[in-house]
Amino acid sequence: MARRTLSNPGRDGRRKVLTGGNSFGMELDLSALNDMLSALESGVEAAIRPMAQAGAQVIYERVKLNVQGLGRVTGNLERSIYQYFSDEKSEDGKRAEYHISWNHKKAPHGHLVEFGYLQRYRYYQTNDGQVRPMVRPGMDGQPPPPRRASQAQKDAYYVTLPSPKQVPGKAFVRSAASSLPEAQKAAQAELWRRLFEQGAYGGA
């Protein structure tokens, strides 16, 4: 399952590149604020997770918008989009990581939409909007082949196309990388807001 991660700089204020399985990176460049960060270290540490969440929220909303642009069939894919704070990958006051992706149990077809697939069979849409492969005459009422069945077993059960065709992916998660500059700005704005609330540089 594709995963997107967002985190923040360490206490030295330098940029940290976020990486992970199938992830894109987000850099929060605070190098121009090094002097202030050194003097306000505790305030910055307290802002790490809120900063990461502010950036993650931008990406999350972009992914949701991308899914909406695909056109609604059942709505399962849109409902499956989540953002999740990773305790395992985070360190209090130093690093905060959020994962943004889809729940594969709620939308098992998500990876087919994101990355595309090779279509071998004819499909039809049911009255309730479900898309199903067509079953060969004489196979109605027979149990479908299991997931790990051989290709020959599946071809004998479903109606095949004259030749397989490649269905391109619609990268609703990966294309959210276009919102990284906006996410970075949101994270930095959250830092400034919190520092001014603490009285930094004339704040109340």
N, C-alpha and C. Protein backbone atom coordinates (compact mmCIF):
# COMPACT_ATOMS: atom_id res chain seq x y z
N MET A 1 0.85 -1.19 0.00
CA MET A 1 0.00 0.00 0.00
C MET A 1 0.88 1.24 0.00
N ALA A 2 0.57 2.17 -0.82
CA ALA A 2 1.34 3.40 -0.88
C ALA A 2 1.20 4.16 0.42
N ARG A 3 2.25 4.81 0.84
CA ARG A 3 2.21 5.54 2.08
C ARG A 3 2.91 6.87 1.89
N ARG A 4 2.38 7.91 2.46
CA ARG A 4 2.98 9.23 2.37
C ARG A 4 3.29 9.70 3.78
N THR A 5 4.50 10.26 3.98
CA THR A 5 4.89 10.65 5.31
C THR A 5 5.31 12.10 5.36
N LEU A 6 5.07 12.73 6.49
CA LEU A 6 5.46 14.11 6.73
C LEU A 6 6.10 14.19 8.09
N SER A 7 7.23 14.87 8.19
CA SER A 7 7.84 15.09 9.50
C SER A 7 8.52 16.44 9.51
N ASN A 8 9.30 16.71 10.54
CA ASN A 8 9.83 18.05 10.76
C ASN A 8 11.30 18.01 11.13
N PRO A 9 11.98 19.19 11.15
CA PRO A 9 13.39 19.25 11.42
C PRO A 9 13.72 18.85 12.85
N GLY A 10 14.97 18.43 13.05
CA GLY A 10 15.46 18.18 14.39
C GLY A 10 15.72 19.48 15.12
N ARG A 11 16.23 19.37 16.35
CA ARG A 11 16.39 20.57 17.16
C ARG A 11 17.47 21.50 16.63
N ASP A 12 18.31 21.00 15.68
CA ASP A 12 19.31 21.89 15.10
C ASP A 12 18.72 22.82 14.05
N GLY A 13 17.45 22.63 13.71
CA GLY A 13 16.77 23.53 12.78
C GLY A 13 17.10 23.29 11.32
N ARG A 14 17.93 22.29 11.03
CA ARG A 14 18.27 22.03 9.64
C ARG A 14 17.20 21.20 8.97
N ARG A 15 17.26 21.19 7.63
CA ARG A 15 16.25 20.48 6.87
C ARG A 15 16.37 18.97 7.07
N LYS A 16 15.24 18.33 7.16
CA LYS A 16 15.18 16.87 7.19
C LYS A 16 14.34 16.41 6.02
N VAL A 17 14.86 15.45 5.27
CA VAL A 17 14.11 14.91 4.14
C VAL A 17 13.32 13.71 4.63
N LEU A 18 12.05 13.69 4.33
CA LEU A 18 11.17 12.62 4.78
C LEU A 18 11.16 11.52 3.75
N THR A 19 11.41 10.32 4.17
CA THR A 19 11.36 9.20 3.26
C THR A 19 10.64 8.04 3.91
N GLY A 20 10.21 7.11 3.11
CA GLY A 20 9.53 5.93 3.62
C GLY A 20 9.16 5.05 2.45
N GLY A 21 8.51 3.93 2.73
CA GLY A 21 8.11 3.04 1.66
C GLY A 21 7.16 3.73 0.70
N ASN A 22 7.57 3.83 -0.57
CA ASN A 22 6.74 4.48 -1.59
C ASN A 22 6.32 5.88 -1.18
N SER A 23 7.21 6.63 -0.56
CA SER A 23 6.82 7.93 -0.04
C SER A 23 7.51 9.04 -0.81
N PHE A 24 6.92 10.23 -0.78
CA PHE A 24 7.62 11.39 -1.28
C PHE A 24 8.10 12.18 -0.07
N GLY A 25 9.06 13.08 -0.29
CA GLY A 25 9.64 13.82 0.82
C GLY A 25 9.11 15.23 0.92
N MET A 26 9.16 15.75 2.11
CA MET A 26 8.78 17.14 2.34
C MET A 26 9.88 17.77 3.17
N GLU A 27 10.42 18.88 2.72
CA GLU A 27 11.47 19.57 3.44
C GLU A 27 10.93 20.84 4.06
N LEU A 28 11.21 21.03 5.33
CA LEU A 28 10.84 22.27 6.01
C LEU A 28 12.13 23.06 6.23
N ASP A 29 12.40 24.03 5.40
CA ASP A 29 13.67 24.75 5.43
C ASP A 29 13.58 25.90 6.42
N LEU A 30 14.15 25.68 7.61
CA LEU A 30 14.15 26.71 8.65
C LEU A 30 15.56 27.25 8.88
N SER A 31 16.45 27.10 7.91
CA SER A 31 17.84 27.49 8.11
C SER A 31 17.99 28.97 8.42
N ALA A 32 17.08 29.80 7.90
CA ALA A 32 17.18 31.24 8.15
C ALA A 32 16.78 31.60 9.58
N LEU A 33 16.23 30.65 10.31
CA LEU A 33 15.74 30.92 11.66
C LEU A 33 16.62 30.29 12.73
N ASN A 34 17.84 29.90 12.38
CA ASN A 34 18.67 29.14 13.32
C ASN A 34 18.89 29.85 14.64
N ASP A 35 19.17 31.16 14.61
CA ASP A 35 19.43 31.89 15.85
C ASP A 35 18.21 31.87 16.75
N MET A 36 17.04 32.13 16.16
CA MET A 36 15.82 32.14 16.94
C MET A 36 15.52 30.74 17.48
N LEU A 37 15.74 29.73 16.67
CA LEU A 37 15.44 28.37 17.10
C LEU A 37 16.33 27.96 18.27
N SER A 38 17.58 28.41 18.25
CA SER A 38 18.48 28.07 19.35
C SER A 38 18.00 28.68 20.65
N ALA A 39 17.47 29.90 20.57
CA ALA A 39 17.01 30.58 21.78
C ALA A 39 15.66 30.07 22.24
N LEU A 40 14.91 29.49 21.35
CA LEU A 40 13.54 29.06 21.68
C LEU A 40 13.37 27.56 21.46
N GLU A 41 14.38 26.82 21.86
CA GLU A 41 14.39 25.39 21.56
C GLU A 41 13.17 24.66 22.11
N SER A 42 12.80 24.95 23.34
CA SER A 42 11.67 24.23 23.93
C SER A 42 10.37 24.54 23.19
N GLY A 43 10.22 25.80 22.75
CA GLY A 43 9.02 26.16 22.01
C GLY A 43 8.95 25.45 20.68
N VAL A 44 10.10 25.30 20.03
CA VAL A 44 10.14 24.60 18.75
C VAL A 44 9.83 23.13 18.94
N GLU A 45 10.38 22.52 19.98
CA GLU A 45 10.12 21.11 20.24
C GLU A 45 8.64 20.85 20.44
N ALA A 46 7.97 21.75 21.16
CA ALA A 46 6.54 21.59 21.41
C ALA A 46 5.72 21.74 20.13
N ALA A 47 6.30 22.43 19.14
CA ALA A 47 5.56 22.69 17.89
C ALA A 47 5.77 21.62 16.83
N ILE A 48 6.68 20.67 17.08
CA ILE A 48 7.03 19.69 16.05
C ILE A 48 5.81 18.94 15.54
N ARG A 49 5.03 18.34 16.45
CA ARG A 49 3.88 17.55 15.99
C ARG A 49 2.80 18.42 15.36
N PRO A 50 2.43 19.57 15.96
CA PRO A 50 1.44 20.42 15.30
C PRO A 50 1.89 20.90 13.92
N MET A 51 3.20 21.16 13.76
CA MET A 51 3.70 21.54 12.44
C MET A 51 3.50 20.42 11.43
N ALA A 52 3.86 19.20 11.84
CA ALA A 52 3.72 18.07 10.94
C ALA A 52 2.25 17.84 10.58
N GLN A 53 1.37 18.00 11.55
CA GLN A 53 -0.05 17.79 11.28
C GLN A 53 -0.59 18.85 10.32
N ALA A 54 -0.13 20.09 10.49
CA ALA A 54 -0.58 21.17 9.61
C ALA A 54 -0.19 20.87 8.16
N GLY A 55 1.03 20.38 7.97
CA GLY A 55 1.45 20.01 6.63
C GLY A 55 0.72 18.79 6.11
N ALA A 56 0.53 17.81 6.98
CA ALA A 56 -0.17 16.59 6.59
C ALA A 56 -1.61 16.88 6.20
N GLN A 57 -2.23 17.84 6.87
CA GLN A 57 -3.63 18.17 6.58
C GLN A 57 -3.78 18.66 5.14
N VAL A 58 -2.81 19.44 4.69
CA VAL A 58 -2.85 19.96 3.31
C VAL A 58 -2.79 18.80 2.32
N ILE A 59 -1.87 17.86 2.54
CA ILE A 59 -1.75 16.72 1.65
C ILE A 59 -3.00 15.85 1.71
N TYR A 60 -3.50 15.62 2.92
CA TYR A 60 -4.72 14.81 3.10
C TYR A 60 -5.89 15.40 2.31
N GLU A 61 -6.08 16.70 2.43
CA GLU A 61 -7.19 17.34 1.72
C GLU A 61 -7.00 17.27 0.21
N ARG A 62 -5.75 17.36 -0.24
CA ARG A 62 -5.48 17.25 -1.67
C ARG A 62 -5.80 15.83 -2.17
N VAL A 63 -5.43 14.82 -1.41
CA VAL A 63 -5.74 13.44 -1.81
C VAL A 63 -7.25 13.24 -1.89
N LYS A 64 -7.97 13.76 -0.89
CA LYS A 64 -9.44 13.64 -0.91
C LYS A 64 -10.01 14.32 -2.15
N LEU A 65 -9.48 15.49 -2.47
CA LEU A 65 -9.96 16.23 -3.64
C LEU A 65 -9.66 15.46 -4.92
N ASN A 66 -8.48 14.84 -4.97
CA ASN A 66 -8.13 14.04 -6.14
C ASN A 66 -9.10 12.87 -6.33
N VAL A 67 -9.46 12.23 -5.23
CA VAL A 67 -10.40 11.10 -5.31
C VAL A 67 -11.76 11.58 -5.79
N GLN A 68 -12.20 12.72 -5.27
CA GLN A 68 -13.49 13.26 -5.70
C GLN A 68 -13.49 13.54 -7.20
N GLY A 69 -12.33 13.95 -7.73
CA GLY A 69 -12.22 14.24 -9.15
C GLY A 69 -12.29 13.00 -10.04
N LEU A 70 -12.13 11.82 -9.44
CA LEU A 70 -12.21 10.59 -10.22
C LEU A 70 -13.64 10.23 -10.58
N GLY A 71 -14.60 10.80 -9.85
CA GLY A 71 -16.00 10.43 -10.05
C GLY A 71 -16.41 9.39 -9.03
N ARG A 72 -17.54 9.59 -8.43
CA ARG A 72 -18.01 8.71 -7.36
C ARG A 72 -18.75 7.50 -7.94
N VAL A 73 -18.39 6.32 -7.46
CA VAL A 73 -19.12 5.10 -7.80
C VAL A 73 -19.79 4.57 -6.53
N THR A 74 -18.99 4.06 -5.60
CA THR A 74 -19.53 3.60 -4.32
C THR A 74 -19.18 4.55 -3.18
N GLY A 75 -18.14 5.37 -3.37
CA GLY A 75 -17.68 6.24 -2.30
C GLY A 75 -16.72 5.57 -1.34
N ASN A 76 -16.45 4.28 -1.55
CA ASN A 76 -15.58 3.55 -0.63
C ASN A 76 -14.15 4.09 -0.63
N LEU A 77 -13.66 4.47 -1.80
CA LEU A 77 -12.28 4.96 -1.88
C LEU A 77 -12.13 6.26 -1.12
N GLU A 78 -13.06 7.18 -1.30
CA GLU A 78 -12.97 8.46 -0.58
C GLU A 78 -13.07 8.24 0.92
N ARG A 79 -13.94 7.35 1.34
CA ARG A 79 -14.09 7.09 2.78
C ARG A 79 -12.87 6.38 3.36
N SER A 80 -12.08 5.76 2.50
CA SER A 80 -10.92 5.01 3.00
C SER A 80 -9.69 5.88 3.23
N ILE A 81 -9.70 7.12 2.74
CA ILE A 81 -8.53 7.99 2.88
C ILE A 81 -8.34 8.37 4.35
N TYR A 82 -7.13 8.28 4.82
CA TYR A 82 -6.86 8.58 6.23
C TYR A 82 -5.54 9.33 6.38
N GLN A 83 -5.40 9.98 7.53
CA GLN A 83 -4.09 10.45 7.98
C GLN A 83 -3.90 9.90 9.38
N TYR A 84 -2.69 9.43 9.66
CA TYR A 84 -2.43 8.70 10.89
C TYR A 84 -1.10 9.13 11.47
N PHE A 85 -1.10 9.48 12.76
CA PHE A 85 0.13 9.83 13.45
C PHE A 85 0.85 8.55 13.85
N SER A 86 2.09 8.41 13.45
CA SER A 86 2.86 7.20 13.72
C SER A 86 3.69 7.36 14.99
N ASP A 87 3.25 6.73 16.06
CA ASP A 87 4.03 6.74 17.30
C ASP A 87 5.37 6.04 17.09
N GLU A 88 5.35 4.98 16.29
CA GLU A 88 6.56 4.18 16.10
C GLU A 88 7.66 4.95 15.40
N LYS A 89 7.29 5.81 14.44
CA LYS A 89 8.29 6.54 13.66
C LYS A 89 8.56 7.95 14.20
N SER A 90 7.87 8.33 15.26
CA SER A 90 8.01 9.68 15.80
C SER A 90 8.82 9.65 17.09
N GLU A 91 9.39 10.79 17.42
CA GLU A 91 10.14 10.95 18.67
C GLU A 91 9.75 12.28 19.28
N ASP A 92 9.25 12.23 20.50
CA ASP A 92 8.70 13.42 21.14
C ASP A 92 9.70 14.57 21.13
N GLY A 93 9.27 15.71 20.59
CA GLY A 93 10.10 16.90 20.57
C GLY A 93 11.15 16.93 19.49
N LYS A 94 11.28 15.87 18.70
CA LYS A 94 12.31 15.81 17.68
C LYS A 94 11.75 15.50 16.28
N ARG A 95 10.81 14.59 16.24
CA ARG A 95 10.31 14.14 14.94
C ARG A 95 8.85 13.72 15.08
N ALA A 96 8.04 14.12 14.12
CA ALA A 96 6.63 13.70 14.09
C ALA A 96 6.31 13.26 12.67
N GLU A 97 5.76 12.08 12.55
CA GLU A 97 5.49 11.53 11.22
C GLU A 97 4.02 11.15 11.09
N TYR A 98 3.42 11.59 9.99
CA TYR A 98 2.04 11.25 9.65
C TYR A 98 2.02 10.45 8.36
N HIS A 99 1.18 9.44 8.32
CA HIS A 99 0.98 8.65 7.11
C HIS A 99 -0.34 9.04 6.48
N ILE A 100 -0.33 9.23 5.18
CA ILE A 100 -1.54 9.59 4.43
C ILE A 100 -1.68 8.58 3.30
N SER A 101 -2.78 7.85 3.30
CA SER A 101 -2.96 6.82 2.29
C SER A 101 -4.43 6.40 2.28
N TRP A 102 -4.69 5.20 1.77
CA TRP A 102 -6.05 4.66 1.79
C TRP A 102 -6.03 3.34 2.56
N ASN A 103 -7.13 3.03 3.20
CA ASN A 103 -7.29 1.78 3.93
C ASN A 103 -7.62 0.67 2.93
N HIS A 104 -6.71 -0.28 2.78
CA HIS A 104 -6.90 -1.30 1.74
C HIS A 104 -8.04 -2.25 2.05
N LYS A 105 -8.46 -2.31 3.32
CA LYS A 105 -9.61 -3.17 3.65
C LYS A 105 -10.91 -2.50 3.23
N LYS A 106 -10.97 -1.18 3.36
CA LYS A 106 -12.17 -0.46 2.95
C LYS A 106 -12.24 -0.28 1.44
N ALA A 107 -11.08 -0.15 0.82
CA ALA A 107 -11.02 0.06 -0.64
C ALA A 107 -9.90 -0.79 -1.22
N PRO A 108 -10.11 -2.11 -1.33
CA PRO A 108 -9.05 -2.99 -1.84
C PRO A 108 -8.65 -2.69 -3.27
N HIS A 109 -9.50 -1.95 -3.98
CA HIS A 109 -9.19 -1.61 -5.37
C HIS A 109 -8.31 -0.37 -5.48
N GLY A 110 -7.96 0.23 -4.34
CA GLY A 110 -7.22 1.48 -4.36
C GLY A 110 -5.92 1.40 -5.13
N HIS A 111 -5.17 0.29 -4.97
CA HIS A 111 -3.89 0.18 -5.67
C HIS A 111 -4.08 0.06 -7.18
N LEU A 112 -5.21 -0.50 -7.61
CA LEU A 112 -5.49 -0.58 -9.05
C LEU A 112 -5.75 0.80 -9.63
N VAL A 113 -6.44 1.63 -8.85
CA VAL A 113 -6.71 3.00 -9.30
C VAL A 113 -5.42 3.81 -9.31
N GLU A 114 -4.64 3.69 -8.25
CA GLU A 114 -3.42 4.48 -8.10
C GLU A 114 -2.36 4.12 -9.15
N PHE A 115 -2.14 2.84 -9.36
CA PHE A 115 -1.02 2.40 -10.20
C PHE A 115 -1.42 1.83 -11.56
N GLY A 116 -2.71 1.59 -11.76
CA GLY A 116 -3.14 0.98 -13.01
C GLY A 116 -3.05 -0.54 -12.94
N TYR A 117 -3.50 -1.20 -13.99
CA TYR A 117 -3.51 -2.66 -13.99
C TYR A 117 -3.69 -3.19 -15.41
N LEU A 118 -3.41 -4.46 -15.57
CA LEU A 118 -3.61 -5.13 -16.85
C LEU A 118 -4.98 -5.80 -16.82
N GLN A 119 -5.88 -5.37 -17.67
CA GLN A 119 -7.24 -5.91 -17.69
C GLN A 119 -7.32 -7.09 -18.66
N ARG A 120 -7.73 -8.25 -18.14
CA ARG A 120 -7.85 -9.46 -18.95
C ARG A 120 -9.31 -9.81 -19.25
N TYR A 121 -10.23 -9.27 -18.41
CA TYR A 121 -11.62 -9.73 -18.50
C TYR A 121 -12.58 -8.58 -18.81
N ARG A 122 -13.75 -8.96 -19.30
CA ARG A 122 -14.83 -7.98 -19.52
C ARG A 122 -15.52 -7.72 -18.18
N TYR A 123 -15.93 -6.47 -18.00
CA TYR A 123 -16.59 -6.09 -16.75
C TYR A 123 -17.95 -5.48 -17.03
N TYR A 124 -18.81 -5.50 -16.01
CA TYR A 124 -20.11 -4.84 -16.09
C TYR A 124 -20.39 -4.19 -14.74
N GLN A 125 -21.32 -3.25 -14.73
CA GLN A 125 -21.66 -2.53 -13.51
C GLN A 125 -23.03 -2.99 -13.02
N THR A 126 -23.11 -3.35 -11.74
CA THR A 126 -24.36 -3.82 -11.15
C THR A 126 -25.26 -2.63 -10.84
N ASN A 127 -26.49 -2.92 -10.45
CA ASN A 127 -27.45 -1.85 -10.14
C ASN A 127 -27.01 -0.98 -8.97
N ASP A 128 -26.23 -1.55 -8.06
CA ASP A 128 -25.77 -0.78 -6.91
C ASP A 128 -24.40 -0.14 -7.14
N GLY A 129 -23.94 -0.15 -8.38
CA GLY A 129 -22.71 0.56 -8.73
C GLY A 129 -21.45 -0.29 -8.65
N GLN A 130 -21.55 -1.53 -8.23
CA GLN A 130 -20.37 -2.39 -8.16
C GLN A 130 -19.93 -2.80 -9.56
N VAL A 131 -18.63 -2.86 -9.77
CA VAL A 131 -18.08 -3.31 -11.05
C VAL A 131 -17.60 -4.74 -10.89
N ARG A 132 -18.12 -5.64 -11.70
CA ARG A 132 -17.83 -7.06 -11.57
C ARG A 132 -17.35 -7.64 -12.91
N PRO A 133 -16.47 -8.65 -12.86
CA PRO A 133 -16.08 -9.33 -14.10
C PRO A 133 -17.22 -10.21 -14.61
N MET A 134 -17.36 -10.29 -15.91
CA MET A 134 -18.41 -11.11 -16.52
C MET A 134 -18.05 -12.59 -16.40
N VAL A 135 -19.06 -13.40 -16.07
CA VAL A 135 -18.86 -14.84 -15.91
C VAL A 135 -19.29 -15.56 -17.19
N ARG A 136 -18.55 -16.56 -17.57
CA ARG A 136 -18.86 -17.31 -18.79
C ARG A 136 -20.20 -18.05 -18.66
N PRO A 137 -20.91 -18.20 -19.77
CA PRO A 137 -22.15 -19.00 -19.75
C PRO A 137 -21.86 -20.40 -19.22
N GLY A 138 -22.73 -20.87 -18.36
CA GLY A 138 -22.54 -22.19 -17.77
C GLY A 138 -21.83 -22.14 -16.44
N MET A 139 -21.21 -20.98 -16.12
CA MET A 139 -20.51 -20.84 -14.85
C MET A 139 -21.37 -20.11 -13.82
N ASP A 140 -22.54 -19.63 -14.23
CA ASP A 140 -23.42 -18.95 -13.29
C ASP A 140 -23.77 -19.88 -12.13
N GLY A 141 -23.68 -19.34 -10.94
CA GLY A 141 -23.99 -20.14 -9.76
C GLY A 141 -22.82 -20.95 -9.24
N GLN A 142 -21.76 -21.04 -10.04
CA GLN A 142 -20.56 -21.74 -9.59
C GLN A 142 -19.69 -20.80 -8.76
N PRO A 143 -19.03 -21.30 -7.73
CA PRO A 143 -18.15 -20.43 -6.94
C PRO A 143 -17.00 -19.92 -7.79
N PRO A 144 -16.62 -18.66 -7.63
CA PRO A 144 -15.50 -18.12 -8.41
C PRO A 144 -14.20 -18.77 -8.00
N PRO A 145 -13.23 -18.77 -8.88
CA PRO A 145 -11.92 -19.34 -8.52
C PRO A 145 -11.29 -18.53 -7.40
N PRO A 146 -10.55 -19.18 -6.51
CA PRO A 146 -9.90 -18.44 -5.42
C PRO A 146 -8.85 -17.48 -5.95
N ARG A 147 -8.45 -16.57 -5.10
CA ARG A 147 -7.53 -15.52 -5.52
C ARG A 147 -6.23 -16.10 -6.07
N ARG A 148 -5.76 -17.18 -5.48
CA ARG A 148 -4.49 -17.77 -5.90
C ARG A 148 -4.68 -18.87 -6.96
N ALA A 149 -5.85 -18.91 -7.57
CA ALA A 149 -6.08 -19.90 -8.63
C ALA A 149 -5.17 -19.61 -9.82
N SER A 150 -4.95 -20.62 -10.62
CA SER A 150 -4.11 -20.44 -11.80
C SER A 150 -4.81 -19.54 -12.81
N GLN A 151 -4.01 -18.97 -13.72
CA GLN A 151 -4.58 -18.11 -14.75
C GLN A 151 -5.55 -18.89 -15.62
N ALA A 152 -5.24 -20.15 -15.88
CA ALA A 152 -6.12 -20.98 -16.71
C ALA A 152 -7.48 -21.18 -16.05
N GLN A 153 -7.49 -21.36 -14.71
CA GLN A 153 -8.75 -21.52 -13.99
C GLN A 153 -9.59 -20.25 -14.08
N LYS A 154 -8.94 -19.12 -13.91
CA LYS A 154 -9.66 -17.84 -13.98
C LYS A 154 -10.19 -17.59 -15.39
N ASP A 155 -9.36 -17.89 -16.39
CA ASP A 155 -9.78 -17.67 -17.78
C ASP A 155 -10.96 -18.57 -18.15
N ALA A 156 -11.04 -19.73 -17.53
CA ALA A 156 -12.14 -20.65 -17.82
C ALA A 156 -13.43 -20.19 -17.15
N TYR A 157 -13.32 -19.34 -16.15
CA TYR A 157 -14.51 -18.89 -15.39
C TYR A 157 -15.03 -17.55 -15.88
N TYR A 158 -14.10 -16.60 -16.16
CA TYR A 158 -14.49 -15.25 -16.56
C TYR A 158 -14.40 -15.08 -18.08
N VAL A 159 -15.13 -14.09 -18.59
CA VAL A 159 -15.10 -13.77 -20.01
C VAL A 159 -13.87 -12.93 -20.30
N THR A 160 -12.97 -13.44 -21.12
CA THR A 160 -11.72 -12.73 -21.41
C THR A 160 -11.90 -11.75 -22.56
N LEU A 161 -11.06 -10.74 -22.57
CA LEU A 161 -10.99 -9.82 -23.71
C LEU A 161 -10.24 -10.50 -24.85
N PRO A 162 -10.41 -10.03 -26.09
CA PRO A 162 -9.62 -10.60 -27.20
C PRO A 162 -8.13 -10.55 -26.92
N SER A 163 -7.69 -9.48 -26.29
CA SER A 163 -6.30 -9.36 -25.83
C SER A 163 -6.28 -8.44 -24.62
N PRO A 164 -5.41 -8.71 -23.64
CA PRO A 164 -5.37 -7.86 -22.45
C PRO A 164 -5.03 -6.42 -22.81
N LYS A 165 -5.54 -5.49 -22.02
CA LYS A 165 -5.22 -4.08 -22.25
C LYS A 165 -4.74 -3.45 -20.94
N GLN A 166 -3.81 -2.53 -21.07
CA GLN A 166 -3.26 -1.84 -19.92
C GLN A 166 -4.15 -0.66 -19.57
N VAL A 167 -4.65 -0.65 -18.35
CA VAL A 167 -5.45 0.46 -17.85
C VAL A 167 -4.52 1.37 -17.05
N PRO A 168 -4.32 2.62 -17.47
CA PRO A 168 -3.38 3.49 -16.76
C PRO A 168 -3.88 3.86 -15.37
N GLY A 169 -2.94 4.11 -14.48
CA GLY A 169 -3.29 4.52 -13.13
C GLY A 169 -3.74 5.97 -13.07
N LYS A 170 -4.46 6.29 -12.02
CA LYS A 170 -4.88 7.67 -11.74
C LYS A 170 -4.35 7.99 -10.35
N ALA A 171 -3.15 8.53 -10.31
CA ALA A 171 -2.37 8.64 -9.08
C ALA A 171 -2.97 9.67 -8.12
N PHE A 172 -4.02 9.28 -7.43
CA PHE A 172 -4.69 10.22 -6.53
C PHE A 172 -3.85 10.52 -5.29
N VAL A 173 -2.94 9.62 -4.91
CA VAL A 173 -2.05 9.88 -3.77
C VAL A 173 -0.76 10.53 -4.24
N ARG A 174 -0.09 9.90 -5.20
CA ARG A 174 1.21 10.42 -5.63
C ARG A 174 1.12 11.83 -6.20
N SER A 175 0.03 12.14 -6.90
CA SER A 175 -0.09 13.47 -7.49
C SER A 175 -0.28 14.55 -6.44
N ALA A 176 -0.58 14.15 -5.20
CA ALA A 176 -0.71 15.14 -4.13
C ALA A 176 0.62 15.80 -3.80
N ALA A 177 1.71 15.27 -4.37
CA ALA A 177 3.03 15.89 -4.18
C ALA A 177 3.05 17.33 -4.68
N SER A 178 2.14 17.66 -5.59
CA SER A 178 2.08 19.04 -6.09
C SER A 178 1.71 20.03 -4.99
N SER A 179 1.16 19.53 -3.89
CA SER A 179 0.76 20.40 -2.77
C SER A 179 1.85 20.52 -1.71
N LEU A 180 3.03 19.94 -1.96
CA LEU A 180 4.09 20.02 -0.95
C LEU A 180 4.51 21.44 -0.61
N PRO A 181 4.66 22.35 -1.59
CA PRO A 181 5.01 23.73 -1.20
C PRO A 181 3.96 24.35 -0.27
N GLU A 182 2.70 24.10 -0.56
CA GLU A 182 1.63 24.62 0.30
C GLU A 182 1.68 23.97 1.68
N ALA A 183 1.99 22.68 1.72
CA ALA A 183 2.09 21.98 2.99
C ALA A 183 3.25 22.51 3.82
N GLN A 184 4.36 22.81 3.15
CA GLN A 184 5.51 23.37 3.85
C GLN A 184 5.16 24.73 4.45
N LYS A 185 4.46 25.55 3.69
CA LYS A 185 4.06 26.86 4.19
C LYS A 185 3.13 26.72 5.39
N ALA A 186 2.22 25.76 5.33
CA ALA A 186 1.29 25.55 6.44
C ALA A 186 2.04 25.14 7.70
N ALA A 187 3.06 24.29 7.54
CA ALA A 187 3.85 23.85 8.69
C ALA A 187 4.63 25.02 9.29
N GLN A 188 5.24 25.83 8.44
CA GLN A 188 6.00 26.98 8.93
C GLN A 188 5.08 28.00 9.58
N ALA A 189 3.89 28.20 9.01
CA ALA A 189 2.93 29.13 9.60
C ALA A 189 2.51 28.68 10.98
N GLU A 190 2.37 27.37 11.16
CA GLU A 190 2.00 26.83 12.48
C GLU A 190 3.12 27.09 13.49
N LEU A 191 4.37 26.95 13.04
CA LEU A 191 5.49 27.25 13.93
C LEU A 191 5.47 28.71 14.36
N TRP A 192 5.34 29.62 13.39
CA TRP A 192 5.31 31.05 13.72
C TRP A 192 4.16 31.37 14.67
N ARG A 193 3.00 30.81 14.41
CA ARG A 193 1.84 31.09 15.25
C ARG A 193 2.11 30.69 16.69
N ARG A 194 2.69 29.53 16.88
CA ARG A 194 2.94 29.05 18.23
C ARG A 194 4.04 29.85 18.93
N LEU A 195 5.07 30.24 18.18
CA LEU A 195 6.13 31.03 18.78
C LEU A 195 5.64 32.41 19.20
N PHE A 196 4.79 33.02 18.38
CA PHE A 196 4.25 34.33 18.74
C PHE A 196 3.30 34.22 19.92
N GLU A 197 2.59 33.13 20.02
CA GLU A 197 1.72 32.94 21.18
C GLU A 197 2.53 32.86 22.47
N GLN A 198 3.77 32.38 22.36
CA GLN A 198 4.64 32.26 23.52
C GLN A 198 5.39 33.56 23.82
N GLY A 199 5.18 34.58 22.99
CA GLY A 199 5.81 35.86 23.24
C GLY A 199 7.06 36.11 22.43
N ALA A 200 7.32 35.25 21.45
CA ALA A 200 8.51 35.45 20.64
C ALA A 200 8.36 36.66 19.74
N TYR A 201 9.37 37.51 19.70
CA TYR A 201 9.41 38.67 18.82
C TYR A 201 8.16 39.53 18.95
N GLY A 202 7.85 39.85 20.16
CA GLY A 202 6.77 40.80 20.39
C GLY A 202 5.40 40.20 20.44
N GLY A 203 5.27 38.86 20.39
CA GLY A 203 3.96 38.24 20.47
C GLY A 203 3.35 38.43 21.84
N ALA A 204 2.03 38.26 21.93
CA ALA A 204 1.33 38.48 23.20
C ALA A 204 1.72 37.43 24.22
